[in-house]
Amino acid sequence: MSKIGKINIAIPEKVKVALAGNILNIEGPLGKSSLDIDLEIFNLDIKDGKEISIKPKKIDQNTKRLWGMKRSLINNAVIGSSKGYEKTLELVGVGYRAALKGKQLNLQLGYSHDINFDIPESIKIAVEKQTTIKISGSSKQEVGAIASKLKTLRKIEPYKGKGVREKGQYVLKKEGKKK
């Protein structure tokens, strides 16, 4: 039995959930999302628009694996359309800074050139200080992917800890060369 799959998903008041064929449409104040659910494998129950439960029709090794994943994907879509997701990145290093220029994020990360990063339509990026970037959106996967892409532009250096990191991320520092 799936421990995660058994838990019912509570639907907030402002979120509307509707099942049209095999597609589950979730609409909330922060956006819309749709998920494809295989109704040959799973039973999906929407109780009075307040709760969603998903159960497999027959339990075997493959459906056990998919059960918890489908439940998590539905839960992430519900949370994303009601509250949204947010990640904060920090730029650590002398002269490292970020600025918004229209629909682009301009980054100065110690290279000989500036990096212009195109911001997708569904993602909002805010530069609070010159060294703090806030990424927010309704899709958990997209917010994480954008944060990961920005982190790869300047990976954390192990001796001084310079680079792009998430807020609160632990950096293992190496000891320098001794005489």
C-alpha atoms as a PDB file:
ATOM      1  CA  MET A   1       0.000   0.000   0.000  1.00  0.00           C
ATOM      2  CA  SER A   2       1.151   3.507  -0.765  1.00  0.00           C
ATOM      3  CA  LYS A   3       1.454   5.661   2.347  1.00  0.00           C
ATOM      4  CA  ILE A   4       1.245   8.907   0.368  1.00  0.00           C
ATOM      5  CA  GLY A   5      -1.447   7.713  -2.051  1.00  0.00           C
ATOM      6  CA  LYS A   6      -3.936   6.929   0.747  1.00  0.00           C
ATOM      7  CA  ILE A   7      -4.029  10.525   2.009  1.00  0.00           C
ATOM      8  CA  ASN A   8      -6.915  12.611   0.619  1.00  0.00           C
ATOM      9  CA  ILE A   9      -6.160  16.004  -0.937  1.00  0.00           C
ATOM     10  CA  ALA A  10      -8.010  18.961   0.584  1.00  0.00           C
ATOM     11  CA  ILE A  11      -9.149  21.558  -1.955  1.00  0.00           C
ATOM     12  CA  PRO A  12      -9.005  25.223  -0.803  1.00  0.00           C
ATOM     13  CA  GLU A  13     -12.107  27.411  -1.248  1.00  0.00           C
ATOM     14  CA  LYS A  14     -10.851  29.447  -4.234  1.00  0.00           C
ATOM     15  CA  VAL A  15      -9.727  26.403  -6.255  1.00  0.00           C
ATOM     16  CA  LYS A  16     -12.046  24.645  -8.733  1.00  0.00           C
ATOM     17  CA  VAL A  17     -11.371  21.042  -9.774  1.00  0.00           C
ATOM     18  CA  ALA A  18     -13.141  19.349 -12.703  1.00  0.00           C
ATOM     19  CA  LEU A  19     -12.620  16.024 -14.439  1.00  0.00           C
ATOM     20  CA  ALA A  20     -13.162  16.063 -18.220  1.00  0.00           C
ATOM     21  CA  GLY A  21     -12.512  12.622 -19.685  1.00  0.00           C
ATOM     22  CA  ASN A  22      -8.984  11.620 -18.662  1.00  0.00           C
ATOM     23  CA  ILE A  23      -7.887  15.208 -17.933  1.00  0.00           C
ATOM     24  CA  LEU A  24      -8.141  16.759 -14.459  1.00  0.00           C
ATOM     25  CA  ASN A  25      -8.438  20.563 -14.725  1.00  0.00           C
ATOM     26  CA  ILE A  26      -7.400  22.610 -11.693  1.00  0.00           C
ATOM     27  CA  GLU A  27      -8.128  26.347 -11.695  1.00  0.00           C
ATOM     28  CA  GLY A  28      -7.262  28.803  -8.941  1.00  0.00           C
ATOM     29  CA  PRO A  29      -6.383  32.453  -8.341  1.00  0.00           C
ATOM     30  CA  LEU A  30      -2.723  31.966  -9.364  1.00  0.00           C
ATOM     31  CA  GLY A  31      -3.265  29.935 -12.518  1.00  0.00           C
ATOM     32  CA  LYS A  32      -4.584  26.875 -14.289  1.00  0.00           C
ATOM     33  CA  SER A  33      -3.097  23.419 -14.655  1.00  0.00           C
ATOM     34  CA  SER A  34      -4.259  20.179 -16.182  1.00  0.00           C
ATOM     35  CA  LEU A  35      -3.100  16.650 -15.454  1.00  0.00           C
ATOM     36  CA  ASP A  36      -3.593  13.510 -17.498  1.00  0.00           C
ATOM     37  CA  ILE A  37      -4.904  10.662 -15.317  1.00  0.00           C
ATOM     38  CA  ASP A  38      -5.248   7.108 -16.593  1.00  0.00           C
ATOM     39  CA  LEU A  39      -8.773   6.149 -15.495  1.00  0.00           C
ATOM     40  CA  GLU A  40      -8.173   2.520 -16.540  1.00  0.00           C
ATOM     41  CA  ILE A  41      -5.719   2.193 -13.632  1.00  0.00           C
ATOM     42  CA  PHE A  42      -7.105   4.696 -11.069  1.00  0.00           C
ATOM     43  CA  ASN A  43     -10.462   5.704  -9.578  1.00  0.00           C
ATOM     44  CA  LEU A  44     -10.650   9.445  -8.938  1.00  0.00           C
ATOM     45  CA  ASP A  45     -13.313  10.776  -6.530  1.00  0.00           C
ATOM     46  CA  ILE A  46     -14.060  14.488  -6.067  1.00  0.00           C
ATOM     47  CA  LYS A  47     -16.179  14.859  -2.922  1.00  0.00           C
ATOM     48  CA  ASP A  48     -18.346  18.042  -2.976  1.00  0.00           C
ATOM     49  CA  GLY A  49     -15.461  20.063  -4.451  1.00  0.00           C
ATOM     50  CA  LYS A  50     -13.684  19.912  -1.074  1.00  0.00           C
ATOM     51  CA  GLU A  51     -11.622  16.727  -1.297  1.00  0.00           C
ATOM     52  CA  ILE A  52      -9.958  14.513  -3.912  1.00  0.00           C
ATOM     53  CA  SER A  53      -9.094  10.862  -3.378  1.00  0.00           C
ATOM     54  CA  ILE A  54      -7.261   8.599  -5.797  1.00  0.00           C
ATOM     55  CA  LYS A  55      -7.257   4.816  -5.534  1.00  0.00           C
ATOM     56  CA  PRO A  56      -5.980   2.103  -7.895  1.00  0.00           C
ATOM     57  CA  LYS A  57      -8.487  -0.366  -9.350  1.00  0.00           C
ATOM     58  CA  LYS A  58      -6.136  -3.299  -8.704  1.00  0.00           C
ATOM     59  CA  ILE A  59      -2.996  -3.217  -6.580  1.00  0.00           C
ATOM     60  CA  ASP A  60       0.197  -4.578  -8.110  1.00  0.00           C
ATOM     61  CA  GLN A  61       3.844  -3.491  -8.141  1.00  0.00           C
ATOM     62  CA  ASN A  62       3.425  -0.985 -10.987  1.00  0.00           C
ATOM     63  CA  THR A  63       0.255   0.721  -9.700  1.00  0.00           C
ATOM     64  CA  LYS A  64       1.744   1.046  -6.198  1.00  0.00           C
ATOM     65  CA  ARG A  65       4.579   3.093  -7.683  1.00  0.00           C
ATOM     66  CA  LEU A  66       2.293   5.282  -9.763  1.00  0.00           C
ATOM     67  CA  TRP A  67      -0.292   5.799  -7.001  1.00  0.00           C
ATOM     68  CA  GLY A  68       1.843   7.960  -4.718  1.00  0.00           C
ATOM     69  CA  MET A  69       3.317   9.878  -7.654  1.00  0.00           C
ATOM     70  CA  LYS A  70      -0.087  10.758  -9.170  1.00  0.00           C
ATOM     71  CA  ARG A  71      -1.375  11.855  -5.754  1.00  0.00           C
ATOM     72  CA  SER A  72       1.690  14.090  -5.294  1.00  0.00           C
ATOM     73  CA  LEU A  73       1.301  15.614  -8.768  1.00  0.00           C
ATOM     74  CA  ILE A  74      -2.368  16.440  -8.090  1.00  0.00           C
ATOM     75  CA  ASN A  75      -1.497  17.883  -4.659  1.00  0.00           C
ATOM     76  CA  ASN A  76       1.310  20.025  -6.130  1.00  0.00           C
ATOM     77  CA  ALA A  77      -1.064  21.379  -8.802  1.00  0.00           C
ATOM     78  CA  VAL A  78      -3.706  22.252  -6.172  1.00  0.00           C
ATOM     79  CA  ILE A  79      -1.150  24.021  -3.942  1.00  0.00           C
ATOM     80  CA  GLY A  80       0.378  25.794  -6.962  1.00  0.00           C
ATOM     81  CA  SER A  81      -2.946  27.210  -8.131  1.00  0.00           C
ATOM     82  CA  SER A  82      -3.898  28.413  -4.622  1.00  0.00           C
ATOM     83  CA  LYS A  83      -0.661  29.508  -2.871  1.00  0.00           C
ATOM     84  CA  GLY A  84       2.032  29.130  -5.526  1.00  0.00           C
ATOM     85  CA  TYR A  85       5.655  28.131  -5.136  1.00  0.00           C
ATOM     86  CA  GLU A  86       8.655  30.294  -4.376  1.00  0.00           C
ATOM     87  CA  LYS A  87      12.432  29.898  -4.258  1.00  0.00           C
ATOM     88  CA  THR A  88      15.021  32.456  -3.204  1.00  0.00           C
ATOM     89  CA  LEU A  89      18.513  32.523  -4.684  1.00  0.00           C
ATOM     90  CA  GLU A  90      21.517  34.396  -3.290  1.00  0.00           C
ATOM     91  CA  LEU A  91      24.486  35.676  -5.270  1.00  0.00           C
ATOM     92  CA  VAL A  92      27.622  35.369  -3.133  1.00  0.00           C
ATOM     93  CA  GLY A  93      30.792  37.019  -4.423  1.00  0.00           C
ATOM     94  CA  VAL A  94      32.417  40.402  -4.974  1.00  0.00           C
ATOM     95  CA  GLY A  95      30.708  42.225  -7.849  1.00  0.00           C
ATOM     96  CA  TYR A  96      27.990  39.582  -8.298  1.00  0.00           C
ATOM     97  CA  ARG A  97      24.664  41.303  -8.943  1.00  0.00           C
ATOM     98  CA  ALA A  98      21.320  40.874 -10.647  1.00  0.00           C
ATOM     99  CA  ALA A  99      18.932  43.346 -12.279  1.00  0.00           C
ATOM    100  CA  LEU A 100      15.665  43.105 -14.189  1.00  0.00           C
ATOM    101  CA  LYS A 101      15.637  44.586 -17.694  1.00  0.00           C
ATOM    102  CA  GLY A 102      12.183  44.157 -19.195  1.00  0.00           C
ATOM    103  CA  LYS A 103      11.508  40.448 -19.692  1.00  0.00           C
ATOM    104  CA  GLN A 104      15.135  39.536 -19.045  1.00  0.00           C
ATOM    105  CA  LEU A 105      17.184  38.959 -15.911  1.00  0.00           C
ATOM    106  CA  ASN A 106      20.621  40.554 -16.246  1.00  0.00           C
ATOM    107  CA  LEU A 107      23.297  38.780 -14.186  1.00  0.00           C
ATOM    108  CA  GLN A 108      26.856  39.871 -13.507  1.00  0.00           C
ATOM    109  CA  LEU A 109      28.629  36.795 -12.167  1.00  0.00           C
ATOM    110  CA  GLY A 110      32.321  37.605 -12.496  1.00  0.00           C
ATOM    111  CA  TYR A 111      32.620  36.681 -16.160  1.00  0.00           C
ATOM    112  CA  SER A 112      33.911  39.109 -18.812  1.00  0.00           C
ATOM    113  CA  HIS A 113      30.332  39.497 -20.069  1.00  0.00           C
ATOM    114  CA  ASP A 114      26.851  39.935 -18.582  1.00  0.00           C
ATOM    115  CA  ILE A 115      24.407  37.028 -18.769  1.00  0.00           C
ATOM    116  CA  ASN A 116      20.891  37.840 -19.996  1.00  0.00           C
ATOM    117  CA  PHE A 117      18.388  35.176 -18.895  1.00  0.00           C
ATOM    118  CA  ASP A 118      14.989  35.143 -20.631  1.00  0.00           C
ATOM    119  CA  ILE A 119      12.128  34.841 -18.117  1.00  0.00           C
ATOM    120  CA  PRO A 120       9.313  32.444 -19.167  1.00  0.00           C
ATOM    121  CA  GLU A 121       5.695  33.724 -19.237  1.00  0.00           C
ATOM    122  CA  SER A 122       4.456  31.589 -16.326  1.00  0.00           C
ATOM    123  CA  ILE A 123       7.301  32.537 -13.939  1.00  0.00           C
ATOM    124  CA  LYS A 124       7.720  35.793 -11.995  1.00  0.00           C
ATOM    125  CA  ILE A 125      11.221  36.850 -10.976  1.00  0.00           C
ATOM    126  CA  ALA A 126      11.816  39.692  -8.533  1.00  0.00           C
ATOM    127  CA  VAL A 127      15.189  41.161  -7.567  1.00  0.00           C
ATOM    128  CA  GLU A 128      14.850  42.328  -3.966  1.00  0.00           C
ATOM    129  CA  LYS A 129      18.428  43.386  -3.364  1.00  0.00           C
ATOM    130  CA  GLN A 130      21.134  43.222  -6.014  1.00  0.00           C
ATOM    131  CA  THR A 131      22.220  39.877  -4.564  1.00  0.00           C
ATOM    132  CA  THR A 132      18.813  38.277  -3.878  1.00  0.00           C
ATOM    133  CA  ILE A 133      16.537  36.807  -6.559  1.00  0.00           C
ATOM    134  CA  LYS A 134      12.998  35.574  -5.804  1.00  0.00           C
ATOM    135  CA  ILE A 135      11.484  33.092  -8.268  1.00  0.00           C
ATOM    136  CA  SER A 136       7.742  32.401  -7.984  1.00  0.00           C
ATOM    137  CA  GLY A 137       5.091  30.633 -10.024  1.00  0.00           C
ATOM    138  CA  SER A 138       2.212  28.183  -9.922  1.00  0.00           C
ATOM    139  CA  SER A 139       4.160  25.131 -11.162  1.00  0.00           C
ATOM    140  CA  LYS A 140       6.543  23.535  -8.672  1.00  0.00           C
ATOM    141  CA  GLN A 141       8.464  21.845 -11.482  1.00  0.00           C
ATOM    142  CA  GLU A 142       9.000  25.066 -13.480  1.00  0.00           C
ATOM    143  CA  VAL A 143      10.090  27.100 -10.428  1.00  0.00           C
ATOM    144  CA  GLY A 144      12.619  24.404  -9.500  1.00  0.00           C
ATOM    145  CA  ALA A 145      13.883  24.105 -13.073  1.00  0.00           C
ATOM    146  CA  ILE A 146      14.471  27.875 -13.397  1.00  0.00           C
ATOM    147  CA  ALA A 147      16.220  27.974 -10.002  1.00  0.00           C
ATOM    148  CA  SER A 148      18.417  25.059 -11.051  1.00  0.00           C
ATOM    149  CA  LYS A 149      19.267  26.718 -14.386  1.00  0.00           C
ATOM    150  CA  LEU A 150      20.288  29.946 -12.637  1.00  0.00           C
ATOM    151  CA  LYS A 151      22.409  27.997 -10.131  1.00  0.00           C
ATOM    152  CA  THR A 152      24.344  26.319 -12.959  1.00  0.00           C
ATOM    153  CA  LEU A 153      25.356  29.712 -14.420  1.00  0.00           C
ATOM    154  CA  ARG A 154      27.890  30.057 -11.585  1.00  0.00           C
ATOM    155  CA  LYS A 155      28.351  26.935  -9.480  1.00  0.00           C
ATOM    156  CA  ILE A 156      29.457  27.292  -5.865  1.00  0.00           C
ATOM    157  CA  GLU A 157      33.216  27.336  -5.551  1.00  0.00           C
ATOM    158  CA  PRO A 158      34.395  25.071  -2.661  1.00  0.00           C
ATOM    159  CA  TYR A 159      37.198  27.258  -1.243  1.00  0.00           C
ATOM    160  CA  LYS A 160      35.518  30.640  -0.706  1.00  0.00           C
ATOM    161  CA  GLY A 161      31.860  29.648  -1.248  1.00  0.00           C
ATOM    162  CA  LYS A 162      31.319  32.111  -4.114  1.00  0.00           C
ATOM    163  CA  GLY A 163      28.532  31.460  -6.611  1.00  0.00           C
ATOM    164  CA  VAL A 164      24.750  31.233  -6.937  1.00  0.00           C
ATOM    165  CA  ARG A 165      23.002  29.311  -4.155  1.00  0.00           C
ATOM    166  CA  GLU A 166      19.566  28.802  -2.668  1.00  0.00           C
ATOM    167  CA  LYS A 167      18.773  30.622   0.545  1.00  0.00           C
ATOM    168  CA  GLY A 168      19.826  28.476   3.473  1.00  0.00           C
ATOM    169  CA  GLN A 169      21.804  26.000   1.328  1.00  0.00           C
ATOM    170  CA  TYR A 170      24.744  24.426   3.161  1.00  0.00           C
ATOM    171  CA  VAL A 171      28.081  24.789   1.387  1.00  0.00           C
ATOM    172  CA  LEU A 172      30.882  22.400   2.246  1.00  0.00           C
ATOM    173  CA  LYS A 173      34.081  24.452   2.216  1.00  0.00           C
ATOM    174  CA  LYS A 174      37.494  22.903   1.634  1.00  0.00           C
ATOM    175  CA  GLU A 175      40.587  23.863   3.535  1.00  0.00           C
ATOM    176  CA  GLY A 176      43.126  25.835   1.553  1.00  0.00           C
ATOM    177  CA  LYS A 177      46.738  24.902   0.822  1.00  0.00           C
ATOM    178  CA  LYS A 178      49.073  24.934   3.823  1.00  0.00           C
ATOM    179  CA  LYS A 179      52.705  26.066   3.919  1.00  0.00           C
END
